[in-house]
PDB file of N, CA and C in Angstrom:
ATOM      1  N   UNK A   1     178.891 291.591  66.211  1.00  0.00           N
ATOM      2  CA  UNK A   1     179.187 290.166  66.036  1.00  0.00           C
ATOM      3  C   UNK A   1     180.659 289.974  65.681  1.00  0.00           C
ATOM      4  N   UNK A   2     181.390 289.495  66.660  1.00  0.00           N
ATOM      5  CA  UNK A   2     182.803 289.266  66.396  1.00  0.00           C
ATOM      6  C   UNK A   2     183.018 288.012  65.569  1.00  0.00           C
ATOM      7  N   UNK A   3     182.068 287.070  65.677  1.00  0.00           N
ATOM      8  CA  UNK A   3     182.202 285.811  64.942  1.00  0.00           C
ATOM      9  C   UNK A   3     181.962 285.995  63.453  1.00  0.00           C
ATOM     10  N   UNK A   4     181.240 287.035  63.096  1.00  0.00           N
ATOM     11  CA  UNK A   4     180.942 287.287  61.692  1.00  0.00           C
ATOM     12  C   UNK A   4     182.200 287.849  61.023  1.00  0.00           C
ATOM     13  N   UNK A   5     182.585 287.197  59.895  1.00  0.00           N
ATOM     14  CA  UNK A   5     183.827 287.607  59.226  1.00  0.00           C
ATOM     15  C   UNK A   5     183.560 288.751  58.272  1.00  0.00           C
ATOM     16  N   UNK A   6     184.532 289.597  58.174  1.00  0.00           N
ATOM     17  CA  UNK A   6     184.458 290.730  57.261  1.00  0.00           C
ATOM     18  C   UNK A   6     184.753 290.224  55.857  1.00  0.00           C
ATOM     19  N   UNK A   7     183.838 290.428  54.890  1.00  0.00           N
ATOM     20  CA  UNK A   7     184.074 289.943  53.508  1.00  0.00           C
ATOM     21  C   UNK A   7     185.354 290.514  52.916  1.00  0.00           C
ATOM     22  N   UNK A   8     185.681 291.743  53.235  1.00  0.00           N
ATOM     23  CA  UNK A   8     186.903 292.363  52.704  1.00  0.00           C
ATOM     24  C   UNK A   8     188.140 291.657  53.268  1.00  0.00           C
ATOM     25  N   UNK A   9     188.070 291.328  54.570  1.00  0.00           N
ATOM     26  CA  UNK A   9     189.200 290.638  55.212  1.00  0.00           C
ATOM     27  C   UNK A   9     189.355 289.239  54.622  1.00  0.00           C
ATOM     28  N   UNK A  10     188.247 288.558  54.352  1.00  0.00           N
ATOM     29  CA  UNK A  10     188.292 287.206  53.760  1.00  0.00           C
ATOM     30  C   UNK A  10     188.896 287.271  52.357  1.00  0.00           C
ATOM     31  N   UNK A  11     188.529 288.307  51.601  1.00  0.00           N
ATOM     32  CA  UNK A  11     189.075 288.484  50.250  1.00  0.00           C
ATOM     33  C   UNK A  11     190.578 288.720  50.310  1.00  0.00           C
ATOM     34  N   UNK A  12     191.005 289.558  51.250  1.00  0.00           N
ATOM     35  CA  UNK A  12     192.436 289.817  51.424  1.00  0.00           C
ATOM     36  C   UNK A  12     193.173 288.536  51.810  1.00  0.00           C
ATOM     37  N   UNK A  13     192.536 287.771  52.676  1.00  0.00           N
ATOM     38  CA  UNK A  13     193.137 286.515  53.138  1.00  0.00           C
ATOM     39  C   UNK A  13     193.264 285.543  51.965  1.00  0.00           C
ATOM     40  N   UNK A  14     192.202 285.402  51.184  1.00  0.00           N
ATOM     41  CA  UNK A  14     192.237 284.510  50.009  1.00  0.00           C
ATOM     42  C   UNK A  14     193.290 284.981  49.012  1.00  0.00           C
ATOM     43  N   UNK A  15     193.390 286.272  48.849  1.00  0.00           N
ATOM     44  CA  UNK A  15     194.379 286.833  47.941  1.00  0.00           C
ATOM     45  C   UNK A  15     195.789 286.507  48.434  1.00  0.00           C
ATOM     46  N   UNK A  16     196.017 286.644  49.734  1.00  0.00           N
ATOM     47  CA  UNK A  16     197.331 286.332  50.309  1.00  0.00           C
ATOM     48  C   UNK A  16     197.640 284.858  50.146  1.00  0.00           C
ATOM     49  N   UNK A  17     196.645 283.994  50.365  1.00  0.00           N
ATOM     50  CA  UNK A  17     196.836 282.546  50.189  1.00  0.00           C
ATOM     51  C   UNK A  17     197.154 282.252  48.728  1.00  0.00           C
ATOM     52  N   UNK A  18     196.433 282.917  47.820  1.00  0.00           N
ATOM     53  CA  UNK A  18     196.677 282.717  46.399  1.00  0.00           C
ATOM     54  C   UNK A  18     198.081 283.125  46.011  1.00  0.00           C
ATOM     55  N   UNK A  19     198.540 284.267  46.519  1.00  0.00           N
ATOM     56  CA  UNK A  19     199.907 284.726  46.235  1.00  0.00           C
ATOM     57  C   UNK A  19     200.912 283.737  46.795  1.00  0.00           C
ATOM     58  N   UNK A  20     200.638 283.292  48.021  1.00  0.00           N
ATOM     59  CA  UNK A  20     201.529 282.317  48.666  1.00  0.00           C
ATOM     60  C   UNK A  20     201.593 281.025  47.843  1.00  0.00           C
ATOM     61  N   UNK A  21     200.406 280.537  47.421  1.00  0.00           N
ATOM     62  CA  UNK A  21     200.365 279.319  46.593  1.00  0.00           C
ATOM     63  C   UNK A  21     201.046 279.557  45.254  1.00  0.00           C
ATOM     64  N   UNK A  22     200.867 280.719  44.698  1.00  0.00           N
ATOM     65  CA  UNK A  22     201.528 281.061  43.437  1.00  0.00           C
ATOM     66  C   UNK A  22     203.036 281.033  43.575  1.00  0.00           C
ATOM     67  N   UNK A  23     203.523 281.553  44.715  1.00  0.00           N
ATOM     68  CA  UNK A  23     204.968 281.517  44.964  1.00  0.00           C
ATOM     69  C   UNK A  23     205.448 280.079  45.070  1.00  0.00           C
ATOM     70  N   UNK A  24     204.625 279.235  45.737  1.00  0.00           N
ATOM     71  CA  UNK A  24     204.983 277.812  45.821  1.00  0.00           C
ATOM     72  C   UNK A  24     205.029 277.189  44.426  1.00  0.00           C
ATOM     73  N   UNK A  25     204.058 277.571  43.598  1.00  0.00           N
ATOM     74  CA  UNK A  25     204.041 277.044  42.226  1.00  0.00           C
ATOM     75  C   UNK A  25     205.283 277.495  41.470  1.00  0.00           C
ATOM     76  N   UNK A  26     205.682 278.760  41.653  1.00  0.00           N
ATOM     77  CA  UNK A  26     206.890 279.270  41.009  1.00  0.00           C
ATOM     78  C   UNK A  26     208.115 278.490  41.483  1.00  0.00           C
ATOM     79  N   UNK A  27     208.180 278.246  42.798  1.00  0.00           N
ATOM     80  CA  UNK A  27     209.306 277.490  43.365  1.00  0.00           C
ATOM     81  C   UNK A  27     209.308 276.081  42.790  1.00  0.00           C
ATOM     82  N   UNK A  28     208.101 275.457  42.696  1.00  0.00           N
ATOM     83  CA  UNK A  28     208.008 274.106  42.132  1.00  0.00           C
ATOM     84  C   UNK A  28     208.451 274.098  40.667  1.00  0.00           C
ATOM     85  N   UNK A  29     208.014 275.119  39.923  1.00  0.00           N
ATOM     86  CA  UNK A  29     208.401 275.204  38.508  1.00  0.00           C
ATOM     87  C   UNK A  29     209.906 275.422  38.377  1.00  0.00           C
ATOM     88  N   UNK A  30     210.463 276.276  39.217  1.00  0.00           N
ATOM     89  CA  UNK A  30     211.906 276.502  39.183  1.00  0.00           C
ATOM     90  C   UNK A  30     212.663 275.222  39.524  1.00  0.00           C
ATOM     91  N   UNK A  31     212.152 274.484  40.501  1.00  0.00           N
ATOM     92  CA  UNK A  31     212.785 273.213  40.897  1.00  0.00           C
ATOM     93  C   UNK A  31     212.671 272.200  39.749  1.00  0.00           C
ATOM     94  N   UNK A  32     211.488 272.139  39.124  1.00  0.00           N
ATOM     95  CA  UNK A  32     211.305 271.244  37.968  1.00  0.00           C
ATOM     96  C   UNK A  32     212.254 271.626  36.839  1.00  0.00           C
ATOM     97  N   UNK A  33     212.371 272.931  36.585  1.00  0.00           N
ATOM     98  CA  UNK A  33     213.258 273.419  35.532  1.00  0.00           C
ATOM     99  C   UNK A  33     214.713 273.057  35.859  1.00  0.00           C
ATOM    100  N   UNK A  34     215.116 273.270  37.119  1.00  0.00           N
ATOM    101  CA  UNK A  34     216.484 272.957  37.540  1.00  0.00           C
ATOM    102  C   UNK A  34     216.759 271.460  37.356  1.00  0.00           C
ATOM    103  N   UNK A  35     215.792 270.625  37.767  1.00  0.00           N
ATOM    104  CA  UNK A  35     215.965 269.170  37.607  1.00  0.00           C
ATOM    105  C   UNK A  35     216.024 268.773  36.128  1.00  0.00           C
ATOM    106  N   UNK A  36     215.185 269.406  35.321  1.00  0.00           N
ATOM    107  CA  UNK A  36     215.179 269.114  33.883  1.00  0.00           C
ATOM    108  C   UNK A  36     216.523 269.504  33.256  1.00  0.00           C
ATOM    109  N   UNK A  37     217.050 270.660  33.657  1.00  0.00           N
ATOM    110  CA  UNK A  37     218.348 271.101  33.133  1.00  0.00           C
ATOM    111  C   UNK A  37     219.460 270.159  33.584  1.00  0.00           C
ATOM    112  N   UNK A  38     219.368 269.702  34.814  1.00  0.00           N
ATOM    113  CA  UNK A  38     220.368 268.747  35.325  1.00  0.00           C
ATOM    114  C   UNK A  38     220.288 267.431  34.560  1.00  0.00           C
ATOM    115  N   UNK A  39     219.068 266.982  34.303  1.00  0.00           N
ATOM    116  CA  UNK A  39     218.882 265.746  33.533  1.00  0.00           C
ATOM    117  C   UNK A  39     219.443 265.909  32.124  1.00  0.00           C
ATOM    118  N   UNK A  40     219.155 267.029  31.496  1.00  0.00           N
ATOM    119  CA  UNK A  40     219.679 267.287  30.144  1.00  0.00           C
ATOM    120  C   UNK A  40     221.202 267.320  30.168  1.00  0.00           C
ATOM    121  N   UNK A  41     221.752 267.973  31.178  1.00  0.00           N
ATOM    122  CA  UNK A  41     223.213 268.042  31.303  1.00  0.00           C
ATOM    123  C   UNK A  41     223.805 266.640  31.452  1.00  0.00           C
ATOM    124  N   UNK A  42     223.168 265.807  32.292  1.00  0.00           N
ATOM    125  CA  UNK A  42     223.637 264.428  32.479  1.00  0.00           C
ATOM    126  C   UNK A  42     223.520 263.627  31.186  1.00  0.00           C
ATOM    127  N   UNK A  43     222.413 263.816  30.465  1.00  0.00           N
ATOM    128  CA  UNK A  43     222.228 263.098  29.205  1.00  0.00           C
ATOM    129  C   UNK A  43     223.264 263.532  28.163  1.00  0.00           C
ATOM    130  N   UNK A  44     223.557 264.836  28.125  1.00  0.00           N
ATOM    131  CA  UNK A  44     224.582 265.325  27.192  1.00  0.00           C
ATOM    132  C   UNK A  44     225.952 264.744  27.544  1.00  0.00           C
ATOM    133  N   UNK A  45     226.235 264.634  28.817  1.00  0.00           N
ATOM    134  CA  UNK A  45     227.508 264.049  29.253  1.00  0.00           C
ATOM    135  C   UNK A  45     227.576 262.575  28.854  1.00  0.00           C
ATOM    136  N   UNK A  46     226.459 261.862  29.050  1.00  0.00           N
ATOM    137  CA  UNK A  46     226.412 260.452  28.638  1.00  0.00           C
ATOM    138  C   UNK A  46     226.573 260.310  27.129  1.00  0.00           C
ATOM    139  N   UNK A  47     225.919 261.203  26.388  1.00  0.00           N
ATOM    140  CA  UNK A  47     226.033 261.172  24.927  1.00  0.00           C
ATOM    141  C   UNK A  47     227.471 261.434  24.499  1.00  0.00           C
ATOM    142  N   UNK A  48     228.124 262.379  25.149  1.00  0.00           N
ATOM    143  CA  UNK A  48     229.518 262.680  24.847  1.00  0.00           C
ATOM    144  C   UNK A  48     230.405 261.468  25.146  1.00  0.00           C
ATOM    145  N   UNK A  49     230.177 260.838  26.300  1.00  0.00           N
ATOM    146  CA  UNK A  49     230.928 259.621  26.647  1.00  0.00           C
ATOM    147  C   UNK A  49     230.696 258.536  25.604  1.00  0.00           C
ATOM    148  N   UNK A  50     229.430 258.377  25.206  1.00  0.00           N
ATOM    149  CA  UNK A  50     229.082 257.369  24.200  1.00  0.00           C
ATOM    150  C   UNK A  50     229.808 257.653  22.885  1.00  0.00           C
ATOM    151  N   UNK A  51     229.814 258.929  22.478  1.00  0.00           N
ATOM    152  CA  UNK A  51     230.500 259.297  21.233  1.00  0.00           C
ATOM    153  C   UNK A  51     231.999 259.025  21.340  1.00  0.00           C
ATOM    154  N   UNK A  52     232.585 259.358  22.499  1.00  0.00           N
ATOM    155  CA  UNK A  52     234.014 259.080  22.696  1.00  0.00           C
ATOM    156  C   UNK A  52     234.290 257.582  22.641  1.00  0.00           C
ATOM    157  N   UNK A  53     233.429 256.794  23.283  1.00  0.00           N
ATOM    158  CA  UNK A  53     233.601 255.339  23.253  1.00  0.00           C
ATOM    159  C   UNK A  53     233.450 254.801  21.838  1.00  0.00           C
ATOM    160  N   UNK A  54     232.500 255.356  21.106  1.00  0.00           N
ATOM    161  CA  UNK A  54     232.285 254.921  19.723  1.00  0.00           C
ATOM    162  C   UNK A  54     233.525 255.221  18.886  1.00  0.00           C
ATOM    163  N   UNK A  55     234.092 256.410  19.045  1.00  0.00           N
ATOM    164  CA  UNK A  55     235.303 256.775  18.298  1.00  0.00           C
ATOM    165  C   UNK A  55     236.463 255.856  18.677  1.00  0.00           C
ATOM    166  N   UNK A  56     236.584 255.563  19.962  1.00  0.00           N
ATOM    167  CA  UNK A  56     237.663 254.670  20.415  1.00  0.00           C
ATOM    168  C   UNK A  56     237.484 253.283  19.816  1.00  0.00           C
ATOM    169  N   UNK A  57     236.247 252.799  19.775  1.00  0.00           N
ATOM    170  CA  UNK A  57     235.976 251.478  19.191  1.00  0.00           C
ATOM    171  C   UNK A  57     236.267 251.480  17.688  1.00  0.00           C
ATOM    172  N   UNK A  58     235.911 252.558  17.003  1.00  0.00           N
ATOM    173  CA  UNK A  58     236.207 252.653  15.567  1.00  0.00           C
ATOM    174  C   UNK A  58     237.713 252.572  15.335  1.00  0.00           C
ATOM    175  N   UNK A  59     238.491 253.267  16.179  1.00  0.00           N
ATOM    176  CA  UNK A  59     239.945 253.239  16.046  1.00  0.00           C
ATOM    177  C   UNK A  59     240.472 251.829  16.309  1.00  0.00           C
ATOM    178  N   UNK A  60     239.939 251.174  17.339  1.00  0.00           N
ATOM    179  CA  UNK A  60     240.370 249.801  17.638  1.00  0.00           C
ATOM    180  C   UNK A  60     240.045 248.866  16.475  1.00  0.00           C
ATOM    181  N   UNK A  61     238.879 249.043  15.873  1.00  0.00           N
ATOM    182  CA  UNK A  61     238.487 248.207  14.729  1.00  0.00           C
ATOM    183  C   UNK A  61     239.459 248.425  13.569  1.00  0.00           C
ATOM    184  N   UNK A  62     239.802 249.687  13.305  1.00  0.00           N
ATOM    185  CA  UNK A  62     240.759 249.987  12.224  1.00  0.00           C
ATOM    186  C   UNK A  62     242.116 249.358  12.523  1.00  0.00           C
ATOM    187  N   UNK A  63     242.551 249.468  13.796  1.00  0.00           N
ATOM    188  CA  UNK A  63     243.832 248.863  14.182  1.00  0.00           C
ATOM    189  C   UNK A  63     243.804 247.351  13.979  1.00  0.00           C
ATOM    190  N   UNK A  64     242.710 246.719  14.388  1.00  0.00           N
ATOM    191  CA  UNK A  64     242.576 245.258  14.240  1.00  0.00           C
ATOM    192  C   UNK A  64     242.561 244.884  12.761  1.00  0.00           C
ATOM    193  N   UNK A  65     241.852 245.672  11.947  1.00  0.00           N
ATOM    194  CA  UNK A  65     241.807 245.395  10.502  1.00  0.00           C
ATOM    195  C   UNK A  65     243.197 245.507   9.896  1.00  0.00           C
ATOM    196  N   UNK A  66     243.975 246.496  10.324  1.00  0.00           N
ATOM    197  CA  UNK A  66     245.337 246.658   9.806  1.00  0.00           C
ATOM    198  C   UNK A  66     246.212 245.475  10.226  1.00  0.00           C
ATOM    199  N   UNK A  67     246.056 245.036  11.473  1.00  0.00           N
ATOM    200  CA  UNK A  67     246.818 243.871  11.952  1.00  0.00           C
ATOM    201  C   UNK A  67     246.447 242.634  11.151  1.00  0.00           C
ATOM    202  N   UNK A  68     245.148 242.407  10.944  1.00  0.00           N
ATOM    203  CA  UNK A  68     244.699 241.227  10.186  1.00  0.00           C
ATOM    204  C   UNK A  68     245.210 241.274   8.750  1.00  0.00           C
ATOM    205  N   UNK A  69     245.247 242.469   8.144  1.00  0.00           N
ATOM    206  CA  UNK A  69     245.761 242.615   6.775  1.00  0.00           C
ATOM    207  C   UNK A  69     247.238 242.222   6.735  1.00  0.00           C
ATOM    208  N   UNK A  70     248.010 242.729   7.730  1.00  0.00           N
ATOM    209  CA  UNK A  70     249.439 242.372   7.807  1.00  0.00           C
ATOM    210  C   UNK A  70     249.610 240.868   8.008  1.00  0.00           C
ATOM    211  N   UNK A  71     248.790 240.293   8.882  1.00  0.00           N
ATOM    212  CA  UNK A  71     248.902 238.854   9.151  1.00  0.00           C
ATOM    213  C   UNK A  71     248.589 238.026   7.906  1.00  0.00           C
ATOM    214  N   UNK A  72     247.579 238.441   7.135  1.00  0.00           N
ATOM    215  CA  UNK A  72     247.245 237.721   5.890  1.00  0.00           C
ATOM    216  C   UNK A  72     248.417 237.787   4.904  1.00  0.00           C
ATOM    217  N   UNK A  73     249.046 238.985   4.810  1.00  0.00           N
ATOM    218  CA  UNK A  73     250.202 239.130   3.921  1.00  0.00           C
ATOM    219  C   UNK A  73     251.345 238.235   4.405  1.00  0.00           C
ATOM    220  N   UNK A  74     251.599 238.244   5.728  1.00  0.00           N
ATOM    221  CA  UNK A  74     252.665 237.398   6.275  1.00  0.00           C
ATOM    222  C   UNK A  74     252.374 235.924   6.009  1.00  0.00           C
ATOM    223  N   UNK A  75     251.105 235.534   6.140  1.00  0.00           N
ATOM    224  CA  UNK A  75     250.744 234.132   5.880  1.00  0.00           C
ATOM    225  C   UNK A  75     250.979 233.773   4.410  1.00  0.00           C
ATOM    226  N   UNK A  76     250.608 234.685   3.500  1.00  0.00           N
ATOM    227  CA  UNK A  76     250.870 234.437   2.068  1.00  0.00           C
ATOM    228  C   UNK A  76     252.367 234.286   1.821  1.00  0.00           C
ATOM    229  N   UNK A  77     253.158 235.195   2.434  1.00  0.00           N
ATOM    230  CA  UNK A  77     254.613 235.143   2.267  1.00  0.00           C
ATOM    231  C   UNK A  77     255.171 233.828   2.819  1.00  0.00           C
ATOM    232  N   UNK A  78     254.657 233.408   3.978  1.00  0.00           N
ATOM    233  CA  UNK A  78     255.125 232.154   4.579  1.00  0.00           C
ATOM    234  C   UNK A  78     254.767 230.950   3.708  1.00  0.00           C
ATOM    235  N   UNK A  79     253.555 230.953   3.155  1.00  0.00           N
ATOM    236  CA  UNK A  79     253.150 229.844   2.278  1.00  0.00           C
ATOM    237  C   UNK A  79     254.041 229.793   1.036  1.00  0.00           C
ATOM    238  N   UNK A  80     254.346 230.977   0.492  1.00  0.00           N
ATOM    239  CA  UNK A  80     255.218 231.050  -0.688  1.00  0.00           C
ATOM    240  C   UNK A  80     256.611 230.511  -0.335  1.00  0.00           C
ATOM    241  N   UNK A  81     257.154 230.979   0.811  1.00  0.00           N
ATOM    242  CA  UNK A  81     258.481 230.525   1.246  1.00  0.00           C
ATOM    243  C   UNK A  81     258.462 229.018   1.502  1.00  0.00           C
ATOM    244  N   UNK A  82     257.380 228.515   2.079  1.00  0.00           N
ATOM    245  CA  UNK A  82     257.263 227.080   2.346  1.00  0.00           C
ATOM    246  C   UNK A  82     257.290 226.286   1.038  1.00  0.00           C
ATOM    247  N   UNK A  83     256.558 226.788   0.052  1.00  0.00           N
ATOM    248  CA  UNK A  83     256.553 226.117  -1.257  1.00  0.00           C
ATOM    249  C   UNK A  83     257.941 226.109  -1.883  1.00  0.00           C
ATOM    250  N   UNK A  84     258.645 227.242  -1.771  1.00  0.00           N
ATOM    251  CA  UNK A  84     260.008 227.319  -2.319  1.00  0.00           C
ATOM    252  C   UNK A  84     260.942 226.358  -1.587  1.00  0.00           C
ATOM    253  N   UNK A  85     260.801 226.264  -0.268  1.00  0.00           N
ATOM    254  CA  UNK A  85     261.641 225.334   0.500  1.00  0.00           C
ATOM    255  C   UNK A  85     261.349 223.881   0.129  1.00  0.00           C
ATOM    256  N   UNK A  86     260.066 223.578  -0.090  1.00  0.00           N
ATOM    257  CA  UNK A  86     259.723 222.206  -0.493  1.00  0.00           C
ATOM    258  C   UNK A  86     260.375 221.855  -1.839  1.00  0.00           C
ATOM    259  N   UNK A  87     260.398 222.831  -2.750  1.00  0.00           N
ATOM    260  CA  UNK A  87     261.044 222.593  -4.045  1.00  0.00           C
ATOM    261  C   UNK A  87     262.544 222.378  -3.854  1.00  0.00           C
ATOM    262  N   UNK A  88     263.169 223.160  -2.970  1.00  0.00           N
ATOM    263  CA  UNK A  88     264.598 222.997  -2.695  1.00  0.00           C
ATOM    264  C   UNK A  88     264.881 221.623  -2.102  1.00  0.00           C
ATOM    265  N   UNK A  89     263.990 221.165  -1.197  1.00  0.00           N
ATOM    266  CA  UNK A  89     264.168 219.833  -0.586  1.00  0.00           C
ATOM    267  C   UNK A  89     264.138 218.762  -1.685  1.00  0.00           C
ATOM    268  N   UNK A  90     263.193 218.885  -2.617  1.00  0.00           N
ATOM    269  CA  UNK A  90     263.107 217.910  -3.722  1.00  0.00           C
ATOM    270  C   UNK A  90     264.403 217.947  -4.537  1.00  0.00           C
ATOM    271  N   UNK A  91     264.881 219.153  -4.844  1.00  0.00           N
ATOM    272  CA  UNK A  91     266.122 219.289  -5.615  1.00  0.00           C
ATOM    273  C   UNK A  91     267.305 218.674  -4.864  1.00  0.00           C
ATOM    274  N   UNK A  92     267.374 218.911  -3.549  1.00  0.00           N
ATOM    275  CA  UNK A  92     268.477 218.341  -2.755  1.00  0.00           C
ATOM    276  C   UNK A  92     268.398 216.822  -2.726  1.00  0.00           C
ATOM    277  N   UNK A  93     267.183 216.282  -2.618  1.00  0.00           N
ATOM    278  CA  UNK A  93     267.029 214.815  -2.626  1.00  0.00           C
ATOM    279  C   UNK A  93     267.491 214.243  -3.970  1.00  0.00           C
ATOM    280  N   UNK A  94     267.153 214.960  -5.050  1.00  0.00           N
ATOM    281  CA  UNK A  94     267.608 214.508  -6.377  1.00  0.00           C
ATOM    282  C   UNK A  94     269.134 214.574  -6.455  1.00  0.00           C
ATOM    283  N   UNK A  95     269.720 215.666  -5.929  1.00  0.00           N
ATOM    284  CA  UNK A  95     271.180 215.801  -5.927  1.00  0.00           C
ATOM    285  C   UNK A  95     271.823 214.667  -5.132  1.00  0.00           C
ATOM    286  N   UNK A  96     271.250 214.372  -3.960  1.00  0.00           N
ATOM    287  CA  UNK A  96     271.804 213.304  -3.120  1.00  0.00           C
ATOM    288  C   UNK A  96     271.709 211.963  -3.853  1.00  0.00           C
ATOM    289  N   UNK A  97     270.560 211.697  -4.486  1.00  0.00           N
ATOM    290  CA  UNK A  97     270.395 210.427  -5.216  1.00  0.00           C
ATOM    291  C   UNK A  97     271.418 210.337  -6.357  1.00  0.00           C
ATOM    292  N   UNK A  98     271.593 211.456  -7.067  1.00  0.00           N
ATOM    293  CA  UNK A  98     272.566 211.470  -8.164  1.00  0.00           C
ATOM    294  C   UNK A  98     273.979 211.223  -7.631  1.00  0.00           C
ATOM    295  N   UNK A  99     274.338 211.904  -6.519  1.00  0.00           N
ATOM    296  CA  UNK A  99     275.675 211.741  -5.940  1.00  0.00           C
ATOM    297  C   UNK A  99     275.877 210.313  -5.425  1.00  0.00           C
ATOM    298  N   UNK A 100     274.836 209.707  -4.868  1.00  0.00           N
ATOM    299  CA  UNK A 100     274.960 208.313  -4.402  1.00  0.00           C
ATOM    300  C   UNK A 100     275.223 207.375  -5.582  1.00  0.00           C
ATOM    301  N   UNK A 101     274.527 207.616  -6.709  1.00  0.00           N
ATOM    302  CA  UNK A 101     274.767 206.797  -7.905  1.00  0.00           C
ATOM    303  C   UNK A 101     276.196 206.982  -8.391  1.00  0.00           C
ATOM    304  N   UNK A 102     276.640 208.249  -8.439  1.00  0.00           N
ATOM    305  CA  UNK A 102     278.010 208.534  -8.873  1.00  0.00           C
ATOM    306  C   UNK A 102     279.018 207.840  -7.963  1.00  0.00           C
ATOM    307  N   UNK A 103     278.734 207.877  -6.647  1.00  0.00           N
ATOM    308  CA  UNK A 103     279.620 207.248  -5.678  1.00  0.00           C
ATOM    309  C   UNK A 103     279.677 205.737  -5.907  1.00  0.00           C
ATOM    310  N   UNK A 104     278.531 205.137  -6.196  1.00  0.00           N
ATOM    311  CA  UNK A 104     278.513 203.687  -6.448  1.00  0.00           C
ATOM    312  C   UNK A 104     279.289 203.348  -7.714  1.00  0.00           C
ATOM    313  N   UNK A 105     279.106 204.189  -8.751  1.00  0.00           N
ATOM    314  CA  UNK A 105     279.850 203.960  -9.996  1.00  0.00           C
ATOM    315  C   UNK A 105     281.349 204.099  -9.726  1.00  0.00           C
ATOM    316  N   UNK A 106     281.738 205.129  -8.987  1.00  0.00           N
ATOM    317  CA  UNK A 106     283.141 205.377  -8.669  1.00  0.00           C
ATOM    318  C   UNK A 106     283.699 204.196  -7.842  1.00  0.00           C
ATOM    319  N   UNK A 107     282.909 203.720  -6.862  1.00  0.00           N
ATOM    320  CA  UNK A 107     283.361 202.589  -6.015  1.00  0.00           C
ATOM    321  C   UNK A 107     283.531 201.340  -6.862  1.00  0.00           C
ATOM    322  N   UNK A 108     282.643 201.132  -7.806  1.00  0.00           N
ATOM    323  CA  UNK A 108     282.748 199.943  -8.659  1.00  0.00           C
ATOM    324  C   UNK A 108     283.986 200.040  -9.529  1.00  0.00           C
ATOM    325  N   UNK A 109     284.283 201.230 -10.044  1.00  0.00           N
ATOM    326  CA  UNK A 109     285.488 201.407 -10.851  1.00  0.00           C
ATOM    327  C   UNK A 109     286.738 201.171 -10.005  1.00  0.00           C
ATOM    328  N   UNK A 110     286.721 201.619  -8.749  1.00  0.00           N
ATOM    329  CA  UNK A 110     287.875 201.450  -7.879  1.00  0.00           C
ATOM    330  C   UNK A 110     288.118 199.964  -7.622  1.00  0.00           C
ATOM    331  N   UNK A 111     287.029 199.183  -7.495  1.00  0.00           N
ATOM    332  CA  UNK A 111     287.199 197.746  -7.239  1.00  0.00           C
ATOM    333  C   UNK A 111     287.808 197.067  -8.461  1.00  0.00           C
ATOM    334  N   UNK A 112     287.432 197.563  -9.643  1.00  0.00           N
ATOM    335  CA  UNK A 112     287.937 196.942 -10.864  1.00  0.00           C
ATOM    336  C   UNK A 112     289.409 197.289 -11.044  1.00  0.00           C
ATOM    337  N   UNK A 113     289.806 198.447 -10.598  1.00  0.00           N
ATOM    338  CA  UNK A 113     291.208 198.857 -10.785  1.00  0.00           C
ATOM    339  C   UNK A 113     292.023 198.166  -9.790  1.00  0.00           C
TER     340      UNK A 113
END
């Protein structure tokens, strides 16, 4: 009977199929591992970029804080200078008023002479 299969040959065939499938499983696992490693590598690169961006933002924040501190000091200095100038203006107005009175007194004396 040629149609009747040899049990030993069927076992060998199943064994070969199993080995072949096992190799496919190994290839699939290796491919999964390679993809997982690539994903991890990409995530580490993104994390590194994120950390660099975070450090850059921290530096920018410090720079902005330093600028704002300087600006607040400049504003205080300007307000102080403005107050001093206002006092000088008042003093000059008083001086002008005094000089105008003196001038009127002097003019009146000149008319009498």
